[in-house]
Amino acid sequence: MATQPQKPINFIDLKAQREYLGKKIDNAVMGVVDSCAFVMGPQVREFEAKIAEFAGAKYGLSCANGTDAIVLPLMAWGIGAGDAVFCPSFTFAATAEVIPWTGATGVFVDILEDTYNIDPVKLEEAIEKVVADGKLTPKVVIAVDLFGQAADYPKIRAICDKYNLKLISDSAQGFGCTLNGKHPIEWADAQTTSFFPAKPLGCYGDGGAVITNSEDDWHMMDSIRVHGKAVKNDLEGKNFDHDPKYMNMRIGMNSRLDTIQAAVLLEKIAIFSEEIEKRNVVADRYYEGLKDVCVAPIVIDGGVSNWAQYTIQVPDRDALMAYLRENGVPSAAYYPIPMHVQGPYLDFVNTGYGQLPVTEHMADAVMSLPMHPYMDTETQDYIIAKIREFLSK
């Protein structure tokens, strides 16, 4: 029988990674402090290049957080009133809340039972419904790489091409995941991510980024993130000898990644591939230990997950979570109240109970287990044993 580890079990062990990187983080942070280049310092541009290279894209654009990362391409594309933006309801609020910021209308779409990502069949049905209704113009799909794995981008891209829609990959949880060896930007017009500390690639505060292959989109988003400043295309044929941030060409925002966070991320992205491999080792151990007693996660064919969370389905989720808590094992129920039934989102399309049955079922059935690259076998064996112990009763 597995014995309880002497050390407390962490849901996500940020300290283990901190100890692994050690002085590299100390030196990176102090390098910024000593330089005093706290805002848009050279580490920011260096990190933007690194993250684009990692994803196999041409351009990376950092910003203040993962929420701003989603709205930046929407603003760059001029999405606004009368436009429809499609997204899942089984996601964090950030995915949906940015849509009304632009004046557009959100349309919720149900998810697949196995991967929890947006269902391409339901997506096309939702688009056809909006077209038939005639009140909104379909413009953008936001697919979420939930719990760390890629959505079905080949199918989603084909649908977007059919209806002339832009595609955003919301990889706040899923940055680093691949499908057939390619990152989501292979199919998406923009891939966004969050560097919130608990994310697989997290900084020591808030941060986010957009990945794109469009130079024009990059310049437009660069303008918007700094108060609508003049950028390359705006300055063509103009003589303006002052800082272009004082020539404001559009309504923007203040959404810059701090240089200290960029410095931290440069050290973390250097070990990110290694950590994804370690996460998959942990995920494989969970699967082998639990596949016969609960519904274990299914990864899309050809996909590699970064395992932001390891999420299982069980018949009595809340009771199991309570039992684990009593035995020193933390867990989490992600999205127990889907977005499409929450008050602020009832102006979207497909709202209210009964509209998205798979989403509603998963909100009551799934729970996530401790997951990080540095989990030792003893700790994981104990977690698995306690789950099996409860489910066998």
Protein backbone atom coordinates (compact mmCIF):
# COMPACT_ATOMS: atom_id res chain seq x y z
CA MET A 1 0.00 0.00 0.00
CA ALA A 2 1.29 3.45 -0.92
CA THR A 3 2.18 5.64 2.04
CA GLN A 4 1.51 9.34 2.28
CA PRO A 5 4.56 11.43 1.37
CA GLN A 6 6.12 13.36 4.24
CA LYS A 7 6.10 16.61 2.28
CA PRO A 8 2.79 18.31 1.44
CA ILE A 9 1.51 17.48 -2.05
CA ASN A 10 1.25 20.52 -4.31
CA PHE A 11 -1.33 20.76 -7.08
CA ILE A 12 1.27 22.61 -9.17
CA ASP A 13 4.76 22.70 -7.68
CA LEU A 14 6.27 26.00 -8.76
CA LYS A 15 8.94 25.78 -6.09
CA ALA A 16 10.41 22.59 -7.58
CA GLN A 17 11.02 24.36 -10.88
CA ARG A 18 12.39 27.39 -9.05
CA GLU A 19 14.93 25.18 -7.29
CA TYR A 20 15.82 23.44 -10.55
CA LEU A 21 16.59 26.73 -12.31
CA GLY A 22 18.19 28.27 -9.23
CA LYS A 23 20.76 30.96 -9.92
CA LYS A 24 19.77 31.27 -13.57
CA ILE A 25 16.56 32.99 -12.50
CA ASP A 26 18.37 35.09 -9.89
CA ASN A 27 20.88 36.30 -12.44
CA ALA A 28 18.23 36.98 -15.08
CA VAL A 29 16.13 39.10 -12.72
CA MET A 30 19.09 40.99 -11.32
CA GLY A 31 20.36 41.62 -14.83
CA VAL A 32 17.19 43.60 -15.51
CA VAL A 33 17.32 45.34 -12.14
CA ASP A 34 20.92 46.40 -12.72
CA SER A 35 20.17 47.62 -16.26
CA CYS A 36 17.06 49.55 -15.12
CA ALA A 37 15.40 48.76 -18.50
CA PHE A 38 12.19 47.73 -16.77
CA VAL A 39 9.70 48.34 -19.62
CA MET A 40 10.26 46.93 -23.14
CA GLY A 41 13.90 46.19 -22.42
CA PRO A 42 16.01 44.05 -24.77
CA GLN A 43 14.90 40.81 -23.09
CA VAL A 44 11.36 41.45 -24.31
CA ARG A 45 12.35 41.44 -27.99
CA GLU A 46 14.65 38.49 -27.40
CA PHE A 47 11.85 36.50 -25.81
CA GLU A 48 9.41 37.41 -28.58
CA ALA A 49 11.85 35.98 -31.11
CA LYS A 50 12.36 32.84 -29.00
CA ILE A 51 8.67 32.11 -28.56
CA ALA A 52 7.97 32.57 -32.27
CA GLU A 53 10.85 30.23 -33.09
CA PHE A 54 9.56 27.66 -30.60
CA ALA A 55 6.10 27.68 -32.20
CA GLY A 56 7.43 27.62 -35.75
CA ALA A 57 6.03 31.06 -36.53
CA LYS A 58 7.42 34.26 -37.99
CA TYR A 59 6.46 36.73 -35.27
CA GLY A 60 5.87 36.82 -31.54
CA LEU A 61 4.30 39.72 -29.70
CA SER A 62 4.29 39.85 -25.91
CA CYS A 63 1.69 41.63 -23.82
CA ALA A 64 0.60 42.15 -20.23
CA ASN A 65 -1.52 39.02 -19.81
CA GLY A 66 -3.24 36.17 -21.62
CA THR A 67 -6.58 37.96 -21.73
CA ASP A 68 -5.18 40.93 -23.63
CA ALA A 69 -3.50 38.43 -25.94
CA ILE A 70 -6.91 37.19 -27.11
CA VAL A 71 -8.40 40.62 -27.68
CA LEU A 72 -5.39 42.05 -29.53
CA PRO A 73 -6.00 40.11 -32.78
CA LEU A 74 -9.73 40.84 -32.57
CA MET A 75 -8.97 44.56 -32.37
CA ALA A 76 -6.33 44.32 -35.09
CA TRP A 77 -8.89 42.71 -37.42
CA GLY A 78 -11.48 45.40 -36.71
CA ILE A 79 -14.02 43.04 -35.14
CA GLY A 80 -16.99 45.01 -33.83
CA ALA A 81 -20.73 45.47 -33.59
CA GLY A 82 -22.74 43.08 -35.77
CA ASP A 83 -19.96 40.49 -35.88
CA ALA A 84 -20.25 36.98 -34.45
CA VAL A 85 -17.34 35.35 -32.63
CA PHE A 86 -17.62 31.63 -31.86
CA CYS A 87 -16.05 29.99 -28.81
CA PRO A 88 -16.61 27.13 -26.37
CA SER A 89 -18.43 27.65 -23.09
CA PHE A 90 -16.27 25.10 -21.27
CA THR A 91 -13.33 27.44 -20.72
CA PHE A 92 -12.08 30.18 -18.44
CA ALA A 93 -13.92 33.50 -18.59
CA ALA A 94 -11.10 35.24 -20.46
CA THR A 95 -11.93 33.44 -23.72
CA ALA A 96 -15.45 34.83 -23.82
CA GLU A 97 -15.20 38.11 -21.94
CA VAL A 98 -13.02 39.80 -24.55
CA ILE A 99 -15.70 39.46 -27.23
CA PRO A 100 -18.05 42.14 -25.81
CA TRP A 101 -15.05 44.45 -25.35
CA THR A 102 -15.00 44.81 -29.14
CA GLY A 103 -18.76 45.26 -29.44
CA ALA A 104 -19.13 41.88 -31.17
CA THR A 105 -21.53 39.12 -30.09
CA GLY A 106 -20.32 35.79 -28.76
CA VAL A 107 -21.74 32.47 -29.90
CA PHE A 108 -21.18 29.50 -27.60
CA VAL A 109 -20.40 26.09 -29.08
CA ASP A 110 -20.52 22.66 -27.44
CA ILE A 111 -17.45 20.46 -26.93
CA LEU A 112 -16.34 16.93 -27.75
CA GLU A 113 -16.85 14.28 -25.07
CA ASP A 114 -13.33 12.89 -25.27
CA THR A 115 -10.95 15.87 -25.60
CA TYR A 116 -13.21 18.60 -24.08
CA ASN A 117 -12.30 20.86 -27.00
CA ILE A 118 -14.70 22.60 -29.38
CA ASP A 119 -16.77 20.20 -31.50
CA PRO A 120 -16.25 20.96 -35.23
CA VAL A 121 -19.69 19.57 -36.12
CA LYS A 122 -21.40 21.78 -33.54
CA LEU A 123 -19.28 24.71 -34.68
CA GLU A 124 -20.54 24.46 -38.24
CA GLU A 125 -24.10 24.07 -36.99
CA ALA A 126 -23.69 27.26 -34.94
CA ILE A 127 -22.29 29.15 -37.92
CA GLU A 128 -25.18 28.00 -40.14
CA LYS A 129 -27.64 29.06 -37.44
CA VAL A 130 -26.16 32.57 -37.32
CA VAL A 131 -26.15 32.84 -41.10
CA ALA A 132 -29.78 31.71 -41.32
CA ASP A 133 -30.82 34.16 -38.61
CA GLY A 134 -29.28 37.01 -40.60
CA LYS A 135 -28.67 39.37 -37.68
CA LEU A 136 -24.92 38.81 -37.27
CA THR A 137 -21.98 38.28 -39.61
CA PRO A 138 -19.75 35.30 -38.69
CA LYS A 139 -16.18 36.59 -38.39
CA VAL A 140 -13.95 34.68 -35.94
CA VAL A 141 -13.62 31.30 -34.24
CA ILE A 142 -11.72 31.08 -30.95
CA ALA A 143 -10.71 27.46 -30.35
CA VAL A 144 -9.33 26.60 -26.90
CA ASP A 145 -6.51 24.10 -26.32
CA LEU A 146 -8.10 22.96 -23.09
CA PHE A 147 -6.09 21.23 -20.36
CA GLY A 148 -3.03 21.31 -22.62
CA GLN A 149 -3.93 19.63 -25.89
CA ALA A 150 -4.67 20.94 -29.34
CA ALA A 151 -8.18 21.32 -30.69
CA ASP A 152 -9.00 19.57 -33.99
CA TYR A 153 -7.42 22.30 -36.10
CA PRO A 154 -7.49 20.65 -39.52
CA LYS A 155 -11.29 20.35 -39.30
CA ILE A 156 -11.75 23.76 -37.71
CA ARG A 157 -9.52 25.44 -40.31
CA ALA A 158 -11.53 23.84 -43.12
CA ILE A 159 -14.73 25.25 -41.61
CA CYS A 160 -13.17 28.70 -41.21
CA ASP A 161 -12.04 28.65 -44.83
CA LYS A 162 -15.49 27.57 -45.98
CA TYR A 163 -17.15 30.53 -44.24
CA ASN A 164 -14.25 33.00 -44.59
CA LEU A 165 -13.60 33.25 -40.85
CA LYS A 166 -10.47 34.13 -38.91
CA LEU A 167 -9.19 31.54 -36.41
CA ILE A 168 -7.62 32.18 -33.01
CA SER A 169 -5.99 29.38 -31.06
CA ASP A 170 -6.43 30.20 -27.38
CA SER A 171 -3.42 28.29 -26.03
CA ALA A 172 -3.43 29.82 -22.56
CA GLN A 173 -3.22 26.27 -21.20
CA GLY A 174 -1.96 24.56 -24.31
CA PHE A 175 1.12 26.43 -25.48
CA GLY A 176 3.66 23.79 -26.45
CA CYS A 177 1.09 21.24 -27.57
CA THR A 178 1.38 19.90 -31.11
CA LEU A 179 -0.75 18.11 -33.66
CA ASN A 180 1.01 15.97 -36.27
CA GLY A 181 4.23 17.63 -35.16
CA LYS A 182 2.92 21.15 -35.77
CA HIS A 183 1.95 23.88 -33.34
CA PRO A 184 -1.56 25.40 -33.60
CA ILE A 185 -0.23 28.42 -35.50
CA GLU A 186 0.10 26.05 -38.47
CA TRP A 187 -3.69 26.42 -38.83
CA ALA A 188 -4.60 29.51 -36.80
CA ASP A 189 -4.35 33.13 -37.93
CA ALA A 190 -3.20 33.94 -34.40
CA GLN A 191 -2.17 31.78 -31.47
CA THR A 192 -2.43 33.32 -28.02
CA THR A 193 -1.08 32.24 -24.66
CA SER A 194 -0.84 33.20 -21.02
CA PHE A 195 2.22 33.23 -18.79
CA PHE A 196 0.26 33.19 -15.55
CA PRO A 197 2.55 31.42 -13.04
CA ALA A 198 0.51 28.20 -12.95
CA LYS A 199 0.66 27.74 -16.72
CA PRO A 200 3.15 25.22 -18.17
CA LEU A 201 5.21 28.17 -19.43
CA GLY A 202 4.62 30.66 -16.64
CA CYS A 203 6.37 33.78 -15.46
CA TYR A 204 6.49 35.30 -11.96
CA GLY A 205 3.43 37.49 -12.41
CA ASP A 206 1.10 38.23 -15.31
CA GLY A 207 2.10 38.02 -18.94
CA GLY A 208 0.87 36.91 -22.34
CA ALA A 209 1.76 36.67 -26.01
CA VAL A 210 0.37 36.40 -29.52
CA ILE A 211 2.03 34.30 -32.24
CA THR A 212 1.37 35.20 -35.87
CA ASN A 213 2.72 34.75 -39.37
CA SER A 214 1.35 38.11 -40.54
CA GLU A 215 3.70 41.09 -40.45
CA ASP A 216 0.78 43.48 -40.88
CA ASP A 217 -1.08 41.92 -37.94
CA TRP A 218 2.06 42.10 -35.80
CA HIS A 219 2.51 45.82 -36.48
CA MET A 220 -1.17 46.53 -35.82
CA MET A 221 -1.10 44.64 -32.51
CA ASP A 222 2.17 46.34 -31.58
CA SER A 223 0.42 49.66 -32.08
CA ILE A 224 -2.64 48.66 -30.07
CA ARG A 225 -0.66 47.31 -27.12
CA VAL A 226 1.08 50.71 -26.74
CA HIS A 227 -1.78 53.21 -26.82
CA GLY A 228 -2.31 53.08 -30.58
CA LYS A 229 1.18 54.38 -31.35
CA ALA A 230 2.31 54.91 -34.95
CA VAL A 231 4.03 51.88 -36.44
CA LYS A 232 5.84 51.08 -39.67
CA ASN A 233 2.86 51.30 -42.03
CA ASP A 234 1.56 54.47 -40.38
CA LEU A 235 4.86 56.32 -40.82
CA GLU A 236 5.38 55.62 -44.52
CA GLY A 237 5.62 58.92 -46.36
CA LYS A 238 5.49 60.94 -43.12
CA ASN A 239 8.18 63.00 -41.44
CA PHE A 240 7.80 62.65 -37.68
CA ASP A 241 11.01 63.17 -35.77
CA HIS A 242 9.61 62.42 -32.33
CA ASP A 243 8.85 59.17 -30.53
CA PRO A 244 6.09 57.42 -32.54
CA LYS A 245 4.20 56.69 -29.32
CA TYR A 246 3.15 60.34 -29.40
CA MET A 247 1.57 59.95 -32.83
CA ASN A 248 -1.56 58.00 -31.89
CA MET A 249 -3.15 56.41 -34.94
CA ARG A 250 -5.88 54.36 -33.27
CA ILE A 251 -7.49 53.62 -29.93
CA GLY A 252 -5.19 51.29 -28.06
CA MET A 253 -4.37 50.03 -24.59
CA ASN A 254 -1.41 49.65 -22.26
CA SER A 255 -0.42 45.99 -22.47
CA ARG A 256 3.33 45.48 -22.30
CA LEU A 257 5.22 42.53 -20.85
CA ASP A 258 7.55 43.63 -18.05
CA THR A 259 11.21 43.11 -18.84
CA ILE A 260 11.73 41.14 -15.62
CA GLN A 261 9.03 38.69 -16.71
CA ALA A 262 10.65 38.38 -20.14
CA ALA A 263 13.96 37.59 -18.47
CA VAL A 264 12.33 34.87 -16.36
CA LEU A 265 10.60 33.43 -19.44
CA LEU A 266 13.86 33.29 -21.39
CA GLU A 267 15.23 30.90 -18.76
CA LYS A 268 12.03 28.89 -18.67
CA ILE A 269 11.58 28.48 -22.41
CA ALA A 270 15.11 27.07 -22.56
CA ILE A 271 13.90 24.03 -20.58
CA PHE A 272 10.31 23.99 -21.83
CA SER A 273 10.66 21.07 -24.27
CA GLU A 274 12.34 19.04 -21.53
CA GLU A 275 9.49 19.84 -19.14
CA ILE A 276 6.83 18.82 -21.67
CA GLU A 277 8.55 15.45 -21.98
CA LYS A 278 8.55 15.10 -18.19
CA ARG A 279 4.87 16.04 -18.03
CA ASN A 280 4.08 13.27 -20.50
CA VAL A 281 5.91 10.76 -18.29
CA VAL A 282 3.71 11.82 -15.37
CA ALA A 283 0.59 11.65 -17.56
CA ASP A 284 1.48 8.15 -18.74
CA ARG A 285 1.85 6.98 -15.14
CA TYR A 286 -1.56 8.40 -14.28
CA TYR A 287 -3.11 6.70 -17.30
CA GLU A 288 -1.67 3.29 -16.49
CA GLY A 289 -2.74 3.60 -12.87
CA LEU A 290 -6.28 4.85 -13.44
CA LYS A 291 -7.50 3.73 -16.87
CA ASP A 292 -9.49 0.79 -15.45
CA VAL A 293 -11.31 2.75 -12.70
CA CYS A 294 -12.29 6.07 -14.31
CA VAL A 295 -12.49 7.85 -17.65
CA ALA A 296 -8.90 8.91 -18.27
CA PRO A 297 -8.02 11.70 -20.73
CA ILE A 298 -7.90 10.95 -24.46
CA VAL A 299 -5.39 12.81 -26.62
CA ILE A 300 -6.40 13.64 -30.18
CA ASP A 301 -4.84 11.39 -32.84
CA GLY A 302 -1.41 12.76 -33.73
CA GLY A 303 -1.44 15.08 -30.74
CA VAL A 304 1.08 15.72 -27.98
CA SER A 305 -0.35 17.45 -24.92
CA ASN A 306 1.63 19.66 -22.57
CA TRP A 307 -0.64 18.36 -19.77
CA ALA A 308 -1.41 21.70 -18.17
CA GLN A 309 -3.87 19.59 -16.17
CA TYR A 310 -4.52 15.87 -15.90
CA THR A 311 -8.30 15.68 -15.91
CA ILE A 312 -10.42 12.60 -15.23
CA GLN A 313 -14.16 11.88 -15.28
CA VAL A 314 -15.74 10.19 -12.26
CA PRO A 315 -19.36 9.52 -11.24
CA ASP A 316 -19.20 11.34 -7.88
CA ARG A 317 -16.66 14.08 -8.45
CA ASP A 318 -17.31 16.18 -5.37
CA ALA A 319 -17.18 13.20 -2.99
CA LEU A 320 -13.87 12.03 -4.46
CA MET A 321 -12.40 15.51 -4.18
CA ALA A 322 -13.45 15.65 -0.52
CA TYR A 323 -11.90 12.23 0.13
CA LEU A 324 -8.64 13.23 -1.50
CA ARG A 325 -8.57 16.45 0.48
CA GLU A 326 -8.98 14.48 3.72
CA ASN A 327 -5.97 12.42 2.67
CA GLY A 328 -3.73 15.34 1.81
CA VAL A 329 -4.24 15.32 -1.96
CA PRO A 330 -5.29 18.59 -3.62
CA SER A 331 -7.48 18.56 -6.73
CA ALA A 332 -9.50 21.06 -8.75
CA ALA A 333 -12.86 21.16 -10.53
CA TYR A 334 -12.38 23.37 -13.56
CA TYR A 335 -15.37 25.30 -14.89
CA PRO A 336 -18.14 23.89 -12.63
CA ILE A 337 -20.42 26.67 -13.93
CA PRO A 338 -20.19 26.88 -17.74
CA MET A 339 -20.04 30.32 -19.29
CA HIS A 340 -23.31 29.93 -21.22
CA VAL A 341 -25.41 29.83 -18.04
CA GLN A 342 -23.74 32.74 -16.24
CA GLY A 343 -25.52 36.09 -16.06
CA PRO A 344 -23.00 38.36 -17.81
CA TYR A 345 -23.02 36.10 -20.89
CA LEU A 346 -26.74 35.66 -21.47
CA ASP A 347 -26.59 38.16 -24.35
CA PHE A 348 -24.49 35.64 -26.28
CA VAL A 349 -26.07 33.10 -28.63
CA ASN A 350 -26.79 29.55 -27.35
CA THR A 351 -27.19 30.45 -23.68
CA GLY A 352 -29.15 28.83 -20.86
CA TYR A 353 -29.26 25.26 -19.58
CA GLY A 354 -30.00 22.64 -22.21
CA GLN A 355 -28.23 24.39 -25.08
CA LEU A 356 -24.83 22.69 -24.67
CA PRO A 357 -25.43 19.23 -23.13
CA VAL A 358 -21.87 17.89 -23.32
CA THR A 359 -20.51 21.04 -21.69
CA GLU A 360 -23.10 20.82 -18.93
CA HIS A 361 -22.28 17.17 -18.24
CA MET A 362 -18.55 17.77 -18.07
CA ALA A 363 -19.01 20.68 -15.69
CA ASP A 364 -20.33 18.15 -13.15
CA ALA A 365 -18.06 15.21 -14.00
CA VAL A 366 -14.43 16.27 -14.45
CA MET A 367 -11.71 16.92 -11.93
CA SER A 368 -8.01 17.63 -12.29
CA LEU A 369 -5.19 15.98 -10.35
CA PRO A 370 -1.81 17.32 -9.22
CA MET A 371 0.40 17.73 -12.28
CA HIS A 372 3.86 19.18 -12.80
CA PRO A 373 7.10 18.01 -14.43
CA TYR A 374 8.88 17.31 -11.13
CA MET A 375 6.37 14.94 -9.51
CA ASP A 376 8.16 11.94 -8.01
CA THR A 377 6.88 8.39 -8.40
CA GLU A 378 6.20 7.93 -4.67
CA THR A 379 3.87 10.93 -4.57
CA GLN A 380 2.06 9.90 -7.72
CA ASP A 381 1.63 6.30 -6.54
CA TYR A 382 -0.02 7.62 -3.38
CA ILE A 383 -2.43 9.82 -5.35
CA ILE A 384 -3.36 6.94 -7.64
CA ALA A 385 -3.83 4.58 -4.66
CA LYS A 386 -6.19 6.98 -2.90
CA ILE A 387 -8.30 7.44 -6.06
CA ARG A 388 -8.51 3.68 -6.59
CA GLU A 389 -9.33 3.18 -2.92
CA PHE A 390 -12.30 5.55 -3.11
CA LEU A 391 -13.60 4.31 -6.46
CA SER A 392 -13.43 0.67 -5.39
CA LYS A 393 -15.90 1.23 -2.53
